[in-house]
Protein backbone atom coordinates (compact mmCIF):
# COMPACT_ATOMS: atom_id res chain seq x y z
CA LEU A 1 320.04 74.20 110.26
CA VAL A 2 323.54 72.77 109.94
CA THR A 3 324.39 70.84 106.83
CA GLN A 4 327.43 69.59 104.95
CA ALA A 5 327.90 68.82 101.30
CA THR A 6 330.23 68.28 98.41
CA VAL A 7 330.27 70.74 95.51
CA GLU A 8 328.18 68.25 93.50
CA LYS A 9 325.27 68.72 95.95
CA LEU A 10 325.20 72.53 95.87
CA TRP A 11 322.35 72.54 93.38
CA LEU A 12 320.08 71.42 96.26
CA PHE A 13 321.01 74.38 98.46
CA PRO A 14 318.42 76.90 97.14
CA GLU A 15 315.63 74.37 97.67
CA LEU A 16 316.92 73.67 101.18
CA CYS A 17 316.84 77.42 101.90
CA GLU A 18 313.34 77.76 100.53
CA ARG A 19 312.06 74.90 102.68
CA TRP A 20 313.88 75.80 105.91
CA ARG A 21 313.48 79.60 105.74
CA GLY A 22 315.84 80.23 108.65
CA PRO A 23 319.50 80.43 109.65
CA LEU A 24 321.76 77.98 107.81
CA ALA A 25 325.35 76.82 108.22
CA LEU A 26 326.92 74.98 105.27
CA SER A 27 330.24 73.15 105.50
CA LEU A 28 331.40 72.53 101.95
CA TRP A 29 333.98 69.84 101.17
CA VAL A 30 336.15 70.37 98.10
CA PRO A 31 338.55 67.83 96.58
CA ASP A 32 341.61 70.09 96.39
CA ALA A 33 342.80 73.64 96.98
CA ALA A 34 342.74 74.40 93.25
CA VAL A 35 338.92 74.56 93.24
CA VAL A 36 338.36 76.39 96.55
CA GLU A 37 337.73 79.79 94.93
CA GLN A 38 335.31 78.38 92.40
CA ALA A 39 333.52 76.28 95.05
CA TYR A 40 333.22 79.25 97.40
CA ALA A 41 331.90 81.47 94.59
CA THR A 42 329.30 78.86 93.67
CA ALA A 43 328.27 78.43 97.32
CA THR A 44 328.12 82.19 97.83
CA GLN A 45 325.92 82.57 94.77
CA ALA A 46 323.61 79.87 96.12
CA ALA A 47 323.60 81.54 99.55
CA THR A 48 322.78 84.90 97.99
CA SER A 49 319.87 83.38 96.11
CA CYS A 50 318.49 81.96 99.33
CA ALA A 51 319.10 84.99 101.57
CA ASP A 52 315.61 86.27 100.79
CA ALA A 53 314.14 82.89 101.69
CA THR A 54 315.70 82.75 105.16
CA ASP A 55 313.35 85.28 106.79
CA GLY A 56 316.26 87.33 108.02
CA GLY A 57 318.32 84.34 109.07
CA SER A 58 322.00 84.25 108.32
CA VAL A 59 323.72 81.88 105.94
CA SER A 60 327.29 80.91 106.81
CA ILE A 61 329.59 78.97 104.53
CA HIS A 62 332.82 77.22 105.44
CA VAL A 63 334.94 75.55 102.77
CA GLU A 64 337.03 72.59 103.88
CA VAL A 65 339.68 71.12 101.58
CA GLN A 66 340.17 67.37 101.33
CA ARG A 67 343.30 66.15 103.03
CA SER A 68 345.38 63.59 101.14
CA ASN A 69 343.53 60.30 100.59
CA GLU A 70 340.85 61.33 103.09
CA ALA A 71 337.36 59.85 103.03
CA TYR A 72 334.42 62.24 103.29
CA PRO A 73 334.76 63.73 106.82
CA VAL A 74 331.09 63.97 107.80
CA ASN A 75 331.79 64.39 111.52
CA ARG A 76 334.38 67.14 111.03
CA LEU A 77 332.12 69.02 108.62
CA ARG A 78 329.16 68.74 110.99
CA ASN A 79 331.26 70.02 113.90
CA ILE A 80 332.53 72.96 111.84
CA GLY A 81 328.94 73.89 111.07
CA LEU A 82 327.89 73.51 114.70
CA ARG A 83 330.63 75.92 115.80
CA SER A 84 329.05 78.65 113.68
CA VAL A 85 325.61 78.32 115.28
CA ASN A 86 324.43 80.91 117.78
CA THR A 87 320.95 79.55 118.44
CA SER A 88 319.79 77.44 121.37
CA HIS A 89 318.69 74.54 119.16
CA VAL A 90 319.86 73.15 115.86
CA LEU A 91 318.71 70.73 113.17
CA VAL A 92 321.63 68.76 111.72
CA SER A 93 321.09 67.14 108.34
CA ASP A 94 322.81 66.00 105.19
CA ALA A 95 322.60 68.32 102.19
CA ASP A 96 320.32 65.95 100.30
CA PHE A 97 317.83 65.84 103.18
CA LEU A 98 315.12 68.32 102.29
CA PRO A 99 312.91 69.14 105.27
CA SER A 100 309.19 69.32 104.66
CA ARG A 101 307.81 72.76 103.95
CA GLY A 102 306.71 74.38 107.16
CA LEU A 103 308.92 72.28 109.45
CA ARG A 104 310.65 75.29 110.99
CA ASP A 105 307.35 77.06 111.58
CA ALA A 106 305.87 73.90 113.12
CA ILE A 107 308.80 73.63 115.52
CA ARG A 108 308.60 77.32 116.40
CA ALA A 109 304.88 76.98 117.07
CA LYS A 110 305.79 74.51 119.81
CA ALA A 111 308.44 76.78 121.34
CA HIS A 112 307.46 75.63 124.83
CA TRP A 113 308.98 72.25 123.94
CA LEU A 114 312.33 73.92 123.40
CA ALA A 115 312.35 75.16 126.99
CA ASN A 116 313.00 71.56 128.09
CA GLU A 117 316.76 71.05 127.72
CA LYS A 118 316.33 67.27 127.91
CA LEU A 119 313.90 67.10 125.03
CA ALA A 120 315.06 66.07 121.56
CA LEU A 121 312.87 66.33 118.49
CA VAL A 122 313.19 63.58 115.90
CA VAL A 123 312.40 64.63 112.36
CA PRO A 124 311.12 61.79 110.17
CA ALA A 125 312.85 61.30 106.84
CA PHE A 126 311.29 60.22 103.57
CA GLN A 127 313.09 58.79 100.57
CA ARG A 128 312.60 59.73 96.96
CA LYS A 129 311.16 57.21 94.56
CA GLY A 130 313.58 55.65 92.13
CA GLY A 131 317.30 56.23 91.96
CA ARG A 132 319.50 59.26 92.16
CA CYS A 133 318.53 62.58 90.71
CA LYS A 134 320.85 65.24 89.37
CA THR A 135 318.57 68.26 89.09
CA LEU A 136 315.97 69.83 91.32
CA GLU A 137 313.27 69.13 88.76
CA SER A 138 314.10 65.43 88.53
CA CYS A 139 314.14 65.19 92.35
CA ARG A 140 310.74 66.87 92.60
CA GLU A 141 309.34 64.29 90.18
CA ARG A 142 310.51 61.52 92.49
CA LEU A 143 309.23 62.98 95.75
CA GLU A 144 306.15 61.38 97.21
CA PRO A 145 303.45 63.98 97.68
CA LEU A 146 303.65 64.88 101.37
CA PRO A 147 301.55 67.38 103.29
CA THR A 148 303.25 70.33 104.92
CA THR A 149 304.38 69.67 108.47
């Protein structure tokens, strides 16, 4: 799974790890060089907490510093993450997209699909009820109950 995020979204990372349970690449965007060390330490702590949840998969983190007056560089961050992947297939998502539990296992159960290089899998997305949430607990309260994949 390749994802990108700002420091403000790092609190979602452990939940993402728990749900995906496989290799992850995170491209983290920070506003200026003064907070790189702190951002990397926070991301590393989150990655350490999810290392057990990745079933032996690796977690890579790349910190990218905002260039002057630059808007959020989603394409650049995605491409940075993609360069760190060493698997044949990849799921690209935003940091606040939480895959359903069991998605990775469901995809792996259909491994014969992955043999077709012209096949793309489309993962449906579901939105939380209400507005924005700032903690994992408040997000869980807003999630519609969905079955595992």
